[in-house]
Amino acid sequence: MRNVIQFDGIKFWIDQNVICCKLNTGFFKNHQWVDIDDIFYNAISILSKGRYLPILISFGEINNSNSLKTFNVLSNGKLMRTLDLPRVFLVHSSSLKMLLSLHHNIGHRISPTKIFKDFNRAIAYCNNEHLVYKNFNKQRLV
């Protein structure tokens, strides 16, 4: 784990070329929904350093209501839409996975979005996406 940004119930870090994010219930007590788009955008921009890296967001410690609201903000937020990075959500239940999938299919999402209940499958997807973006990152540096 390297490059850690942590405060008020949220933690961002890079692990195996994936930007990881873990939220807990304390985060929602300290921040308004309008702040979430800014917080995620700024942390991801700092950690990515201009590279295209997949984002893995864990909803394992938060309830379904906060998960759904956060999912919508991260999918539709003005600033987050400018980050054309694949978003992978890790959820704790099949019902939440179905709920988020339904919201994803109804909305108009530009960035690739995947929802997993299994951590290993989520990481495998992120690693596969990283390989796709790795060549793109190399071309940008040339």
Protein backbone atom coordinates (compact mmCIF):
# COMPACT_ATOMS: atom_id res chain seq x y z
CA MET A 1 0.00 0.00 0.00
CA ARG A 2 1.38 3.39 -0.97
CA ASN A 3 0.23 6.97 -1.32
CA VAL A 4 -2.46 6.96 1.37
CA ILE A 5 -4.99 9.78 1.80
CA GLN A 6 -7.15 9.32 4.89
CA PHE A 7 -9.55 11.55 6.81
CA ASP A 8 -13.02 11.62 8.40
CA GLY A 9 -14.07 8.04 7.65
CA ILE A 10 -12.65 7.68 4.15
CA LYS A 11 -9.38 6.21 2.96
CA PHE A 12 -7.82 6.27 -0.51
CA TRP A 13 -4.66 4.42 -1.52
CA ILE A 14 -2.99 2.79 -4.51
CA ASP A 15 -2.44 -0.96 -4.45
CA GLN A 16 -1.29 -2.95 -7.48
CA ASN A 17 -1.99 -0.02 -9.82
CA VAL A 18 -5.57 0.33 -8.57
CA ILE A 19 -6.91 3.36 -6.71
CA CYS A 20 -8.72 1.85 -3.73
CA CYS A 21 -11.27 3.59 -1.56
CA LYS A 22 -12.89 2.44 1.65
CA LEU A 23 -15.74 4.32 3.30
CA ASN A 24 -17.18 3.91 6.77
CA THR A 25 -20.29 5.34 8.40
CA GLY A 26 -18.36 8.18 10.06
CA PHE A 27 -17.75 9.73 6.66
CA PHE A 28 -21.44 10.52 6.18
CA LYS A 29 -21.72 12.17 9.58
CA ASN A 30 -18.97 14.65 8.71
CA HIS A 31 -19.73 15.54 5.07
CA GLN A 32 -22.64 16.73 2.99
CA TRP A 33 -23.51 15.04 -0.29
CA VAL A 34 -22.37 18.06 -2.28
CA ASP A 35 -18.85 17.58 -0.85
CA ILE A 36 -18.48 13.96 -1.93
CA ASP A 37 -17.92 14.75 -5.62
CA ASP A 38 -15.13 17.20 -4.67
CA ILE A 39 -13.51 14.86 -2.14
CA PHE A 40 -13.36 11.91 -4.53
CA TYR A 41 -12.25 14.00 -7.48
CA ASN A 42 -9.41 15.64 -5.54
CA ALA A 43 -8.15 12.43 -3.91
CA ILE A 44 -8.26 10.46 -7.17
CA SER A 45 -6.55 13.28 -9.09
CA ILE A 46 -3.73 13.41 -6.53
CA LEU A 47 -3.22 9.65 -6.47
CA SER A 48 -3.50 9.04 -10.20
CA LYS A 49 -0.96 11.74 -11.13
CA GLY A 50 -2.49 11.94 -14.61
CA ARG A 51 -2.42 8.18 -15.20
CA TYR A 52 -5.52 6.21 -16.08
CA LEU A 53 -6.03 3.77 -13.22
CA PRO A 54 -9.15 1.81 -12.27
CA ILE A 55 -10.95 2.85 -9.08
CA LEU A 56 -12.12 0.21 -6.58
CA ILE A 57 -14.65 1.56 -4.08
CA SER A 58 -15.65 -0.64 -1.15
CA PHE A 59 -19.16 -0.25 0.24
CA GLY A 60 -18.62 -3.09 2.74
CA GLU A 61 -19.03 -0.98 5.88
CA ILE A 62 -21.87 1.33 4.89
CA ASN A 63 -25.61 0.77 4.65
CA ASN A 64 -27.57 0.37 1.42
CA SER A 65 -28.99 3.90 1.52
CA ASN A 66 -25.56 5.55 1.78
CA SER A 67 -24.18 3.10 -0.80
CA LEU A 68 -26.87 4.05 -3.31
CA LYS A 69 -26.46 7.79 -2.73
CA THR A 70 -22.66 7.53 -3.01
CA PHE A 71 -22.96 5.41 -6.17
CA ASN A 72 -25.18 8.06 -7.76
CA VAL A 73 -22.84 10.90 -6.79
CA LEU A 74 -19.80 9.04 -8.12
CA SER A 75 -21.62 8.16 -11.34
CA ASN A 76 -23.23 11.53 -11.99
CA GLY A 77 -21.11 14.07 -10.11
CA LYS A 78 -19.96 16.98 -12.24
CA LEU A 79 -16.28 16.57 -11.35
CA MET A 80 -16.24 12.75 -11.27
CA ARG A 81 -17.65 12.63 -14.80
CA THR A 82 -14.49 14.39 -16.00
CA LEU A 83 -12.39 11.45 -14.74
CA ASP A 84 -12.91 8.89 -17.47
CA LEU A 85 -11.68 6.00 -15.32
CA PRO A 86 -13.26 2.58 -14.82
CA ARG A 87 -15.19 2.42 -11.55
CA VAL A 88 -15.49 -0.85 -9.68
CA PHE A 89 -17.79 -1.11 -6.68
CA LEU A 90 -17.41 -3.83 -4.05
CA VAL A 91 -20.66 -4.52 -2.19
CA HIS A 92 -21.63 -6.67 0.79
CA SER A 93 -24.88 -8.21 -0.49
CA SER A 94 -26.58 -9.53 -3.60
CA SER A 95 -29.54 -7.20 -3.01
CA LEU A 96 -27.27 -4.14 -3.02
CA LYS A 97 -25.53 -5.42 -6.15
CA MET A 98 -28.91 -5.72 -7.90
CA LEU A 99 -30.01 -2.28 -6.70
CA LEU A 100 -26.83 -0.59 -7.95
CA SER A 101 -26.98 -2.53 -11.23
CA LEU A 102 -30.53 -1.31 -11.77
CA HIS A 103 -29.51 2.30 -11.13
CA HIS A 104 -26.52 1.88 -13.42
CA ASN A 105 -28.64 0.51 -16.26
CA ILE A 106 -31.21 3.30 -15.93
CA GLY A 107 -28.63 6.11 -15.88
CA HIS A 108 -26.40 7.20 -18.70
CA ARG A 109 -22.91 6.27 -17.58
CA ILE A 110 -19.92 7.17 -19.71
CA SER A 111 -17.14 5.49 -17.73
CA PRO A 112 -17.01 1.70 -17.44
CA THR A 113 -18.71 0.64 -14.21
CA LYS A 114 -18.73 -2.85 -12.66
CA ILE A 115 -20.27 -4.06 -9.43
CA PHE A 116 -18.90 -7.10 -7.59
CA LYS A 117 -19.72 -8.93 -4.41
CA ASP A 118 -16.48 -10.93 -4.53
CA PHE A 119 -13.21 -9.09 -3.79
CA ASN A 120 -11.05 -11.42 -5.92
CA ARG A 121 -13.25 -10.95 -8.98
CA ALA A 122 -13.19 -7.17 -8.46
CA ILE A 123 -9.38 -7.13 -8.28
CA ALA A 124 -9.10 -9.40 -11.33
CA TYR A 125 -11.29 -7.00 -13.30
CA CYS A 126 -9.21 -4.02 -12.11
CA ASN A 127 -5.97 -5.76 -13.08
CA ASN A 128 -7.36 -6.53 -16.52
CA GLU A 129 -8.48 -2.92 -16.95
CA HIS A 130 -5.05 -1.74 -15.80
CA LEU A 131 -3.40 -3.71 -18.60
CA VAL A 132 -5.63 -1.95 -21.11
CA TYR A 133 -4.78 1.46 -19.65
CA LYS A 134 -1.08 0.64 -19.17
CA ASN A 135 -0.44 0.93 -22.91
CA PHE A 136 -2.45 4.13 -23.04
CA ASN A 137 -0.40 5.57 -20.16
CA LYS A 138 2.84 4.73 -21.99
CA GLN A 139 1.62 6.43 -25.17
CA ARG A 140 0.70 9.58 -23.22
CA LEU A 141 4.24 9.85 -21.83
CA VAL A 142 5.89 9.63 -25.26
